[in-house]
């Protein structure tokens, strides 16, 4: 007959196994599943949410989306004050070097190529800051769905802020370094489009998920709540006079975002 001590040990081990099992289900099944939501754009479920460099190094995460034709995007970005980036050529490369070295404007300076699902960006735009191309807001965009929920093309992009020029942590090449708060860049781009009257509807879908200390293809740190904000653009340039409709996210996602903002707000500024 087992002693009372052996019985308590056995019950304690059983309880520990139950707790460990519940933790595993919660942490690795329930929460990841609950944090993935595509109810407003179901065709994006299962799509990769990270870009790569030409060397195959994980690059900038996707954090923004636009719904509309290429013409809708070019028109909306122009009205919002964003410039199309020039392609990389010998001449444009010399121009950006001169802009940085001589502190002179280059509002349509080229951006380095990133790859999504094996192909480089379809479109790229930038918004200069200051008097040279070493600091700028920029976004790369890829057409991911020919027809989404709205029966229009869906584009995903990576919006980041170039804070200065330096050397890549991984390759040693001269490159731009990004600011770590990529959510601020995502929100800033959407805000510019909204203020320009170019957005009919906006909503969230899941991106890479909450990331506190990610690194992009140049070795720069970034943090993100892991959500992609998608803006459905006005068609044919018809400017919207009232604020866009905002579709709600699931309650768990809203709670996660609130917790994330509180945590990030309590951390020292980098």
C-alpha atoms as a PDB file:
ATOM      1  CA  UNK A   1       0.000   0.000   0.000  1.00  0.00           C
ATOM      2  CA  UNK A   2       1.568   3.339  -1.058  1.00  0.00           C
ATOM      3  CA  UNK A   3       2.462   5.751   1.687  1.00  0.00           C
ATOM      4  CA  UNK A   4       0.812   9.146   2.022  1.00  0.00           C
ATOM      5  CA  UNK A   5       4.072  10.766   0.907  1.00  0.00           C
ATOM      6  CA  UNK A   6       4.203   8.676  -2.287  1.00  0.00           C
ATOM      7  CA  UNK A   7       0.557   9.496  -2.990  1.00  0.00           C
ATOM      8  CA  UNK A   8       1.217  13.235  -2.622  1.00  0.00           C
ATOM      9  CA  UNK A   9       4.260  13.021  -4.903  1.00  0.00           C
ATOM     10  CA  UNK A  10       2.278  11.110  -7.528  1.00  0.00           C
ATOM     11  CA  UNK A  11      -0.577  13.631  -7.368  1.00  0.00           C
ATOM     12  CA  UNK A  12       1.924  16.497  -7.558  1.00  0.00           C
ATOM     13  CA  UNK A  13       3.548  15.016 -10.669  1.00  0.00           C
ATOM     14  CA  UNK A  14       0.148  14.456 -12.254  1.00  0.00           C
ATOM     15  CA  UNK A  15      -0.854  18.045 -11.533  1.00  0.00           C
ATOM     16  CA  UNK A  16       2.438  19.314 -12.962  1.00  0.00           C
ATOM     17  CA  UNK A  17       1.891  17.302 -16.153  1.00  0.00           C
ATOM     18  CA  UNK A  18      -1.648  18.667 -16.482  1.00  0.00           C
ATOM     19  CA  UNK A  19      -0.437  22.252 -15.992  1.00  0.00           C
ATOM     20  CA  UNK A  20       2.403  21.710 -18.484  1.00  0.00           C
ATOM     21  CA  UNK A  21      -0.007  20.243 -21.007  1.00  0.00           C
ATOM     22  CA  UNK A  22      -2.440  23.137 -20.625  1.00  0.00           C
ATOM     23  CA  UNK A  23       0.431  25.593 -21.019  1.00  0.00           C
ATOM     24  CA  UNK A  24       1.534  23.848 -24.208  1.00  0.00           C
ATOM     25  CA  UNK A  25      -1.978  23.958 -25.659  1.00  0.00           C
ATOM     26  CA  UNK A  26      -2.381  27.613 -24.732  1.00  0.00           C
ATOM     27  CA  UNK A  27       1.046  28.864 -25.804  1.00  0.00           C
ATOM     28  CA  UNK A  28       1.571  26.774 -28.929  1.00  0.00           C
ATOM     29  CA  UNK A  29      -1.927  26.053 -30.228  1.00  0.00           C
ATOM     30  CA  UNK A  30      -4.715  28.233 -28.851  1.00  0.00           C
ATOM     31  CA  UNK A  31      -3.075  31.678 -28.728  1.00  0.00           C
ATOM     32  CA  UNK A  32      -1.178  31.465 -32.042  1.00  0.00           C
ATOM     33  CA  UNK A  33      -4.384  30.278 -33.697  1.00  0.00           C
ATOM     34  CA  UNK A  34      -6.458  33.016 -32.055  1.00  0.00           C
ATOM     35  CA  UNK A  35      -3.925  35.699 -33.011  1.00  0.00           C
ATOM     36  CA  UNK A  36      -4.128  34.796 -36.703  1.00  0.00           C
ATOM     37  CA  UNK A  37      -7.112  36.559 -38.241  1.00  0.00           C
ATOM     38  CA  UNK A  38      -8.013  37.131 -41.876  1.00  0.00           C
ATOM     39  CA  UNK A  39     -11.733  37.660 -41.592  1.00  0.00           C
ATOM     40  CA  UNK A  40     -11.572  40.856 -43.684  1.00  0.00           C
ATOM     41  CA  UNK A  41      -9.175  39.483 -46.343  1.00  0.00           C
ATOM     42  CA  UNK A  42      -9.356  35.692 -46.362  1.00  0.00           C
ATOM     43  CA  UNK A  43      -7.072  35.234 -49.356  1.00  0.00           C
ATOM     44  CA  UNK A  44      -4.070  36.333 -47.285  1.00  0.00           C
ATOM     45  CA  UNK A  45      -4.272  33.385 -44.907  1.00  0.00           C
ATOM     46  CA  UNK A  46      -1.195  31.227 -45.295  1.00  0.00           C
ATOM     47  CA  UNK A  47       0.768  33.871 -47.203  1.00  0.00           C
ATOM     48  CA  UNK A  48       4.371  34.591 -46.081  1.00  0.00           C
ATOM     49  CA  UNK A  49       4.652  37.817 -44.087  1.00  0.00           C
ATOM     50  CA  UNK A  50       8.392  38.446 -44.329  1.00  0.00           C
ATOM     51  CA  UNK A  51      10.616  39.719 -47.135  1.00  0.00           C
ATOM     52  CA  UNK A  52      14.160  38.553 -47.921  1.00  0.00           C
ATOM     53  CA  UNK A  53      17.295  40.152 -49.283  1.00  0.00           C
ATOM     54  CA  UNK A  54      18.919  39.060 -52.525  1.00  0.00           C
ATOM     55  CA  UNK A  55      21.178  36.823 -50.427  1.00  0.00           C
ATOM     56  CA  UNK A  56      18.167  35.078 -48.862  1.00  0.00           C
ATOM     57  CA  UNK A  57      18.546  36.802 -45.468  1.00  0.00           C
ATOM     58  CA  UNK A  58      15.194  37.541 -43.736  1.00  0.00           C
ATOM     59  CA  UNK A  59      14.397  41.201 -44.406  1.00  0.00           C
ATOM     60  CA  UNK A  60      11.726  43.675 -43.364  1.00  0.00           C
ATOM     61  CA  UNK A  61       8.364  42.256 -42.251  1.00  0.00           C
ATOM     62  CA  UNK A  62       5.188  43.182 -44.098  1.00  0.00           C
ATOM     63  CA  UNK A  63       3.161  45.696 -42.090  1.00  0.00           C
ATOM     64  CA  UNK A  64       0.908  47.573 -44.501  1.00  0.00           C
ATOM     65  CA  UNK A  65      -1.550  46.717 -47.261  1.00  0.00           C
ATOM     66  CA  UNK A  66      -3.400  48.590 -50.002  1.00  0.00           C
ATOM     67  CA  UNK A  67      -6.442  47.522 -51.992  1.00  0.00           C
ATOM     68  CA  UNK A  68      -6.848  48.977 -55.480  1.00  0.00           C
ATOM     69  CA  UNK A  69      -5.347  49.036 -58.948  1.00  0.00           C
ATOM     70  CA  UNK A  70      -1.802  50.198 -59.614  1.00  0.00           C
ATOM     71  CA  UNK A  71      -3.258  53.438 -60.946  1.00  0.00           C
ATOM     72  CA  UNK A  72      -5.242  53.887 -57.709  1.00  0.00           C
ATOM     73  CA  UNK A  73      -2.046  53.420 -55.673  1.00  0.00           C
ATOM     74  CA  UNK A  74       0.103  55.795 -57.730  1.00  0.00           C
ATOM     75  CA  UNK A  75      -2.612  58.447 -57.604  1.00  0.00           C
ATOM     76  CA  UNK A  76      -3.251  58.047 -53.868  1.00  0.00           C
ATOM     77  CA  UNK A  77       0.445  58.140 -52.940  1.00  0.00           C
ATOM     78  CA  UNK A  78       0.961  61.259 -55.048  1.00  0.00           C
ATOM     79  CA  UNK A  79      -1.914  63.066 -53.332  1.00  0.00           C
ATOM     80  CA  UNK A  80      -0.572  61.942 -49.935  1.00  0.00           C
ATOM     81  CA  UNK A  81       2.863  63.457 -50.653  1.00  0.00           C
ATOM     82  CA  UNK A  82       4.854  60.301 -51.401  1.00  0.00           C
ATOM     83  CA  UNK A  83       7.227  60.087 -54.405  1.00  0.00           C
ATOM     84  CA  UNK A  84       7.844  57.031 -56.617  1.00  0.00           C
ATOM     85  CA  UNK A  85      11.378  55.731 -56.052  1.00  0.00           C
ATOM     86  CA  UNK A  86      13.665  55.659 -59.081  1.00  0.00           C
ATOM     87  CA  UNK A  87      15.038  52.320 -60.272  1.00  0.00           C
ATOM     88  CA  UNK A  88      18.614  51.534 -59.295  1.00  0.00           C
ATOM     89  CA  UNK A  89      20.955  52.622 -62.105  1.00  0.00           C
ATOM     90  CA  UNK A  90      24.485  53.989 -62.203  1.00  0.00           C
ATOM     91  CA  UNK A  91      23.093  57.507 -62.561  1.00  0.00           C
ATOM     92  CA  UNK A  92      20.558  57.239 -59.712  1.00  0.00           C
ATOM     93  CA  UNK A  93      23.194  55.628 -57.488  1.00  0.00           C
ATOM     94  CA  UNK A  94      25.514  58.589 -58.068  1.00  0.00           C
ATOM     95  CA  UNK A  95      22.602  60.927 -57.346  1.00  0.00           C
ATOM     96  CA  UNK A  96      21.827  59.377 -53.951  1.00  0.00           C
ATOM     97  CA  UNK A  97      25.517  59.377 -53.011  1.00  0.00           C
ATOM     98  CA  UNK A  98      25.675  63.063 -53.872  1.00  0.00           C
ATOM     99  CA  UNK A  99      22.494  63.736 -51.896  1.00  0.00           C
ATOM    100  CA  UNK A 100      23.909  62.132 -48.743  1.00  0.00           C
ATOM    101  CA  UNK A 101      27.458  63.491 -49.129  1.00  0.00           C
ATOM    102  CA  UNK A 102      26.451  67.041 -50.068  1.00  0.00           C
ATOM    103  CA  UNK A 103      23.229  67.234 -48.010  1.00  0.00           C
ATOM    104  CA  UNK A 104      21.015  68.047 -50.967  1.00  0.00           C
ATOM    105  CA  UNK A 105      17.498  66.802 -51.805  1.00  0.00           C
ATOM    106  CA  UNK A 106      16.798  63.647 -53.825  1.00  0.00           C
ATOM    107  CA  UNK A 107      13.045  63.023 -53.277  1.00  0.00           C
ATOM    108  CA  UNK A 108      12.859  60.041 -55.659  1.00  0.00           C
ATOM    109  CA  UNK A 109      16.122  58.318 -54.694  1.00  0.00           C
ATOM    110  CA  UNK A 110      16.204  54.558 -55.357  1.00  0.00           C
ATOM    111  CA  UNK A 111      15.636  51.945 -52.654  1.00  0.00           C
ATOM    112  CA  UNK A 112      17.509  48.675 -52.442  1.00  0.00           C
ATOM    113  CA  UNK A 113      15.693  45.595 -53.673  1.00  0.00           C
ATOM    114  CA  UNK A 114      13.865  43.258 -51.316  1.00  0.00           C
ATOM    115  CA  UNK A 115      12.155  40.036 -52.346  1.00  0.00           C
ATOM    116  CA  UNK A 116       8.768  38.645 -51.409  1.00  0.00           C
ATOM    117  CA  UNK A 117       7.878  35.111 -52.456  1.00  0.00           C
ATOM    118  CA  UNK A 118      10.923  35.167 -54.750  1.00  0.00           C
ATOM    119  CA  UNK A 119      10.278  38.461 -56.565  1.00  0.00           C
ATOM    120  CA  UNK A 120      11.395  42.011 -55.991  1.00  0.00           C
ATOM    121  CA  UNK A 121       8.990  44.812 -55.143  1.00  0.00           C
ATOM    122  CA  UNK A 122       6.475  45.897 -57.779  1.00  0.00           C
ATOM    123  CA  UNK A 123       6.287  49.491 -56.529  1.00  0.00           C
ATOM    124  CA  UNK A 124       8.284  51.667 -54.135  1.00  0.00           C
ATOM    125  CA  UNK A 125       7.550  55.120 -52.731  1.00  0.00           C
ATOM    126  CA  UNK A 126       9.276  57.493 -50.342  1.00  0.00           C
ATOM    127  CA  UNK A 127       8.629  60.648 -48.352  1.00  0.00           C
ATOM    128  CA  UNK A 128      11.778  62.714 -47.713  1.00  0.00           C
ATOM    129  CA  UNK A 129      12.742  64.059 -44.301  1.00  0.00           C
ATOM    130  CA  UNK A 130      15.221  66.922 -44.151  1.00  0.00           C
ATOM    131  CA  UNK A 131      17.490  67.979 -46.983  1.00  0.00           C
ATOM    132  CA  UNK A 132      19.095  64.704 -48.110  1.00  0.00           C
ATOM    133  CA  UNK A 133      18.250  61.092 -48.883  1.00  0.00           C
ATOM    134  CA  UNK A 134      19.910  59.659 -45.775  1.00  0.00           C
ATOM    135  CA  UNK A 135      16.634  60.087 -43.830  1.00  0.00           C
ATOM    136  CA  UNK A 136      13.295  59.197 -45.400  1.00  0.00           C
ATOM    137  CA  UNK A 137      10.055  57.300 -44.967  1.00  0.00           C
ATOM    138  CA  UNK A 138       9.676  54.594 -47.586  1.00  0.00           C
ATOM    139  CA  UNK A 139       7.521  51.626 -48.533  1.00  0.00           C
ATOM    140  CA  UNK A 140       7.946  48.705 -50.931  1.00  0.00           C
ATOM    141  CA  UNK A 141       4.788  47.065 -52.304  1.00  0.00           C
ATOM    142  CA  UNK A 142       4.028  43.697 -53.895  1.00  0.00           C
ATOM    143  CA  UNK A 143       0.768  42.679 -55.567  1.00  0.00           C
ATOM    144  CA  UNK A 144      -0.197  39.531 -53.627  1.00  0.00           C
ATOM    145  CA  UNK A 145      -3.804  38.883 -54.710  1.00  0.00           C
ATOM    146  CA  UNK A 146      -5.275  39.628 -58.123  1.00  0.00           C
ATOM    147  CA  UNK A 147      -8.722  39.881 -56.502  1.00  0.00           C
ATOM    148  CA  UNK A 148      -9.447  40.160 -52.807  1.00  0.00           C
ATOM    149  CA  UNK A 149     -12.613  40.440 -50.740  1.00  0.00           C
ATOM    150  CA  UNK A 150     -13.434  43.753 -52.447  1.00  0.00           C
ATOM    151  CA  UNK A 151     -12.961  42.223 -55.935  1.00  0.00           C
ATOM    152  CA  UNK A 152      -9.886  44.454 -56.391  1.00  0.00           C
ATOM    153  CA  UNK A 153      -6.120  43.731 -56.306  1.00  0.00           C
ATOM    154  CA  UNK A 154      -4.504  43.434 -52.864  1.00  0.00           C
ATOM    155  CA  UNK A 155      -0.955  44.698 -52.276  1.00  0.00           C
ATOM    156  CA  UNK A 156       1.211  44.059 -49.233  1.00  0.00           C
ATOM    157  CA  UNK A 157       4.148  46.241 -48.301  1.00  0.00           C
ATOM    158  CA  UNK A 158       6.902  46.978 -45.849  1.00  0.00           C
ATOM    159  CA  UNK A 159       6.960  50.550 -44.520  1.00  0.00           C
ATOM    160  CA  UNK A 160      10.096  51.627 -42.642  1.00  0.00           C
ATOM    161  CA  UNK A 161      12.042  54.785 -41.809  1.00  0.00           C
ATOM    162  CA  UNK A 162      15.628  55.221 -42.969  1.00  0.00           C
ATOM    163  CA  UNK A 163      17.378  56.944 -40.051  1.00  0.00           C
ATOM    164  CA  UNK A 164      20.843  57.165 -41.620  1.00  0.00           C
ATOM    165  CA  UNK A 165      23.512  55.557 -43.758  1.00  0.00           C
ATOM    166  CA  UNK A 166      25.999  52.971 -42.481  1.00  0.00           C
ATOM    167  CA  UNK A 167      27.351  49.468 -43.048  1.00  0.00           C
ATOM    168  CA  UNK A 168      25.294  46.293 -43.094  1.00  0.00           C
ATOM    169  CA  UNK A 169      25.781  44.096 -40.034  1.00  0.00           C
ATOM    170  CA  UNK A 170      25.705  40.999 -42.235  1.00  0.00           C
ATOM    171  CA  UNK A 171      27.416  41.933 -45.529  1.00  0.00           C
ATOM    172  CA  UNK A 172      29.489  45.035 -44.731  1.00  0.00           C
ATOM    173  CA  UNK A 173      27.914  46.881 -47.663  1.00  0.00           C
ATOM    174  CA  UNK A 174      26.907  50.541 -47.462  1.00  0.00           C
ATOM    175  CA  UNK A 175      23.185  50.708 -46.717  1.00  0.00           C
ATOM    176  CA  UNK A 176      20.441  52.628 -44.971  1.00  0.00           C
ATOM    177  CA  UNK A 177      19.650  51.689 -41.364  1.00  0.00           C
ATOM    178  CA  UNK A 178      15.997  51.657 -40.303  1.00  0.00           C
ATOM    179  CA  UNK A 179      14.405  52.978 -37.119  1.00  0.00           C
ATOM    180  CA  UNK A 180      13.170  50.144 -34.865  1.00  0.00           C
ATOM    181  CA  UNK A 181       9.528  51.273 -34.486  1.00  0.00           C
ATOM    182  CA  UNK A 182       8.105  50.010 -37.766  1.00  0.00           C
ATOM    183  CA  UNK A 183       4.538  50.265 -36.427  1.00  0.00           C
ATOM    184  CA  UNK A 184       4.966  54.053 -36.367  1.00  0.00           C
ATOM    185  CA  UNK A 185       5.865  53.962 -40.070  1.00  0.00           C
ATOM    186  CA  UNK A 186       2.888  51.767 -40.917  1.00  0.00           C
ATOM    187  CA  UNK A 187       0.548  54.066 -38.997  1.00  0.00           C
ATOM    188  CA  UNK A 188       2.118  57.172 -40.528  1.00  0.00           C
ATOM    189  CA  UNK A 189       1.600  55.960 -44.102  1.00  0.00           C
ATOM    190  CA  UNK A 190      -2.019  55.008 -43.464  1.00  0.00           C
ATOM    191  CA  UNK A 191      -2.567  58.375 -41.750  1.00  0.00           C
ATOM    192  CA  UNK A 192      -1.130  60.254 -44.744  1.00  0.00           C
ATOM    193  CA  UNK A 193      -3.500  58.426 -47.094  1.00  0.00           C
ATOM    194  CA  UNK A 194      -6.472  59.044 -44.791  1.00  0.00           C
ATOM    195  CA  UNK A 195      -5.651  62.750 -44.448  1.00  0.00           C
ATOM    196  CA  UNK A 196      -5.453  62.977 -48.237  1.00  0.00           C
ATOM    197  CA  UNK A 197      -8.982  61.544 -48.534  1.00  0.00           C
ATOM    198  CA  UNK A 198      -7.732  58.479 -50.395  1.00  0.00           C
ATOM    199  CA  UNK A 199      -9.078  55.726 -48.078  1.00  0.00           C
ATOM    200  CA  UNK A 200     -12.596  54.279 -48.072  1.00  0.00           C
ATOM    201  CA  UNK A 201     -12.138  51.534 -45.466  1.00  0.00           C
ATOM    202  CA  UNK A 202      -9.319  50.336 -43.211  1.00  0.00           C
ATOM    203  CA  UNK A 203      -8.853  47.163 -41.190  1.00  0.00           C
ATOM    204  CA  UNK A 204      -6.256  44.807 -39.706  1.00  0.00           C
ATOM    205  CA  UNK A 205      -5.080  41.332 -40.644  1.00  0.00           C
ATOM    206  CA  UNK A 206      -2.318  39.274 -39.050  1.00  0.00           C
ATOM    207  CA  UNK A 207       1.290  39.823 -40.102  1.00  0.00           C
ATOM    208  CA  UNK A 208       4.337  38.178 -38.550  1.00  0.00           C
ATOM    209  CA  UNK A 209       2.941  38.401 -35.009  1.00  0.00           C
ATOM    210  CA  UNK A 210       4.248  40.344 -31.987  1.00  0.00           C
ATOM    211  CA  UNK A 211       8.020  40.790 -32.266  1.00  0.00           C
ATOM    212  CA  UNK A 212      10.070  42.653 -29.678  1.00  0.00           C
ATOM    213  CA  UNK A 213      13.608  42.245 -31.030  1.00  0.00           C
ATOM    214  CA  UNK A 214      13.532  41.252 -34.689  1.00  0.00           C
ATOM    215  CA  UNK A 215      16.383  41.940 -37.109  1.00  0.00           C
ATOM    216  CA  UNK A 216      16.046  42.817 -40.771  1.00  0.00           C
ATOM    217  CA  UNK A 217      18.319  41.945 -43.665  1.00  0.00           C
ATOM    218  CA  UNK A 218      20.913  44.566 -42.676  1.00  0.00           C
ATOM    219  CA  UNK A 219      20.948  43.531 -39.023  1.00  0.00           C
ATOM    220  CA  UNK A 220      18.839  46.430 -37.760  1.00  0.00           C
ATOM    221  CA  UNK A 221      16.567  45.825 -34.784  1.00  0.00           C
ATOM    222  CA  UNK A 222      12.825  46.308 -35.149  1.00  0.00           C
ATOM    223  CA  UNK A 223       9.720  45.801 -33.034  1.00  0.00           C
ATOM    224  CA  UNK A 224       6.106  45.381 -34.091  1.00  0.00           C
ATOM    225  CA  UNK A 225       2.725  44.336 -32.758  1.00  0.00           C
ATOM    226  CA  UNK A 226       2.642  41.996 -35.754  1.00  0.00           C
ATOM    227  CA  UNK A 227      -0.469  43.447 -37.394  1.00  0.00           C
ATOM    228  CA  UNK A 228      -0.906  44.666 -40.977  1.00  0.00           C
ATOM    229  CA  UNK A 229      -3.117  47.706 -41.473  1.00  0.00           C
ATOM    230  CA  UNK A 230      -4.873  47.558 -44.837  1.00  0.00           C
ATOM    231  CA  UNK A 231      -6.347  50.613 -46.568  1.00  0.00           C
ATOM    232  CA  UNK A 232      -8.994  50.181 -49.262  1.00  0.00           C
ATOM    233  CA  UNK A 233      -8.262  53.074 -51.615  1.00  0.00           C
ATOM    234  CA  UNK A 234     -10.845  55.247 -53.315  1.00  0.00           C
ATOM    235  CA  UNK A 235     -11.471  54.292 -56.926  1.00  0.00           C
ATOM    236  CA  UNK A 236     -10.796  56.604 -59.897  1.00  0.00           C
ATOM    237  CA  UNK A 237      -9.346  59.286 -57.612  1.00  0.00           C
ATOM    238  CA  UNK A 238     -12.691  60.324 -56.144  1.00  0.00           C
ATOM    239  CA  UNK A 239     -11.528  61.983 -52.925  1.00  0.00           C
ATOM    240  CA  UNK A 240     -13.419  60.989 -49.781  1.00  0.00           C
ATOM    241  CA  UNK A 241     -14.583  63.901 -47.650  1.00  0.00           C
ATOM    242  CA  UNK A 242     -15.568  61.936 -44.524  1.00  0.00           C
ATOM    243  CA  UNK A 243     -13.298  59.701 -42.396  1.00  0.00           C
ATOM    244  CA  UNK A 244     -12.908  56.121 -43.654  1.00  0.00           C
ATOM    245  CA  UNK A 245     -14.861  53.276 -42.110  1.00  0.00           C
ATOM    246  CA  UNK A 246     -12.775  51.148 -39.705  1.00  0.00           C
ATOM    247  CA  UNK A 247     -13.710  47.472 -39.553  1.00  0.00           C
ATOM    248  CA  UNK A 248     -13.317  45.925 -36.082  1.00  0.00           C
ATOM    249  CA  UNK A 249     -10.754  43.258 -35.221  1.00  0.00           C
ATOM    250  CA  UNK A 250     -11.567  40.298 -32.942  1.00  0.00           C
ATOM    251  CA  UNK A 251     -11.696  41.157 -29.227  1.00  0.00           C
ATOM    252  CA  UNK A 252      -8.583  39.088 -28.470  1.00  0.00           C
ATOM    253  CA  UNK A 253      -6.593  40.990 -31.095  1.00  0.00           C
ATOM    254  CA  UNK A 254      -7.744  44.331 -29.687  1.00  0.00           C
ATOM    255  CA  UNK A 255      -6.727  43.191 -26.188  1.00  0.00           C
ATOM    256  CA  UNK A 256      -3.342  42.012 -27.472  1.00  0.00           C
ATOM    257  CA  UNK A 257      -2.730  45.362 -29.184  1.00  0.00           C
ATOM    258  CA  UNK A 258      -3.634  47.270 -26.012  1.00  0.00           C
ATOM    259  CA  UNK A 259      -1.254  45.143 -23.942  1.00  0.00           C
ATOM    260  CA  UNK A 260       1.481  45.559 -26.560  1.00  0.00           C
ATOM    261  CA  UNK A 261       1.153  49.347 -26.533  1.00  0.00           C
ATOM    262  CA  UNK A 262       1.305  49.408 -22.742  1.00  0.00           C
ATOM    263  CA  UNK A 263       4.415  47.202 -22.701  1.00  0.00           C
ATOM    264  CA  UNK A 264       6.172  49.210 -25.411  1.00  0.00           C
ATOM    265  CA  UNK A 265       5.280  52.460 -23.676  1.00  0.00           C
ATOM    266  CA  UNK A 266       6.953  51.240 -20.484  1.00  0.00           C
ATOM    267  CA  UNK A 267      10.256  50.344 -22.184  1.00  0.00           C
ATOM    268  CA  UNK A 268      13.154  52.833 -22.511  1.00  0.00           C
ATOM    269  CA  UNK A 269      13.217  54.675 -25.827  1.00  0.00           C
ATOM    270  CA  UNK A 270      15.848  53.310 -28.190  1.00  0.00           C
END
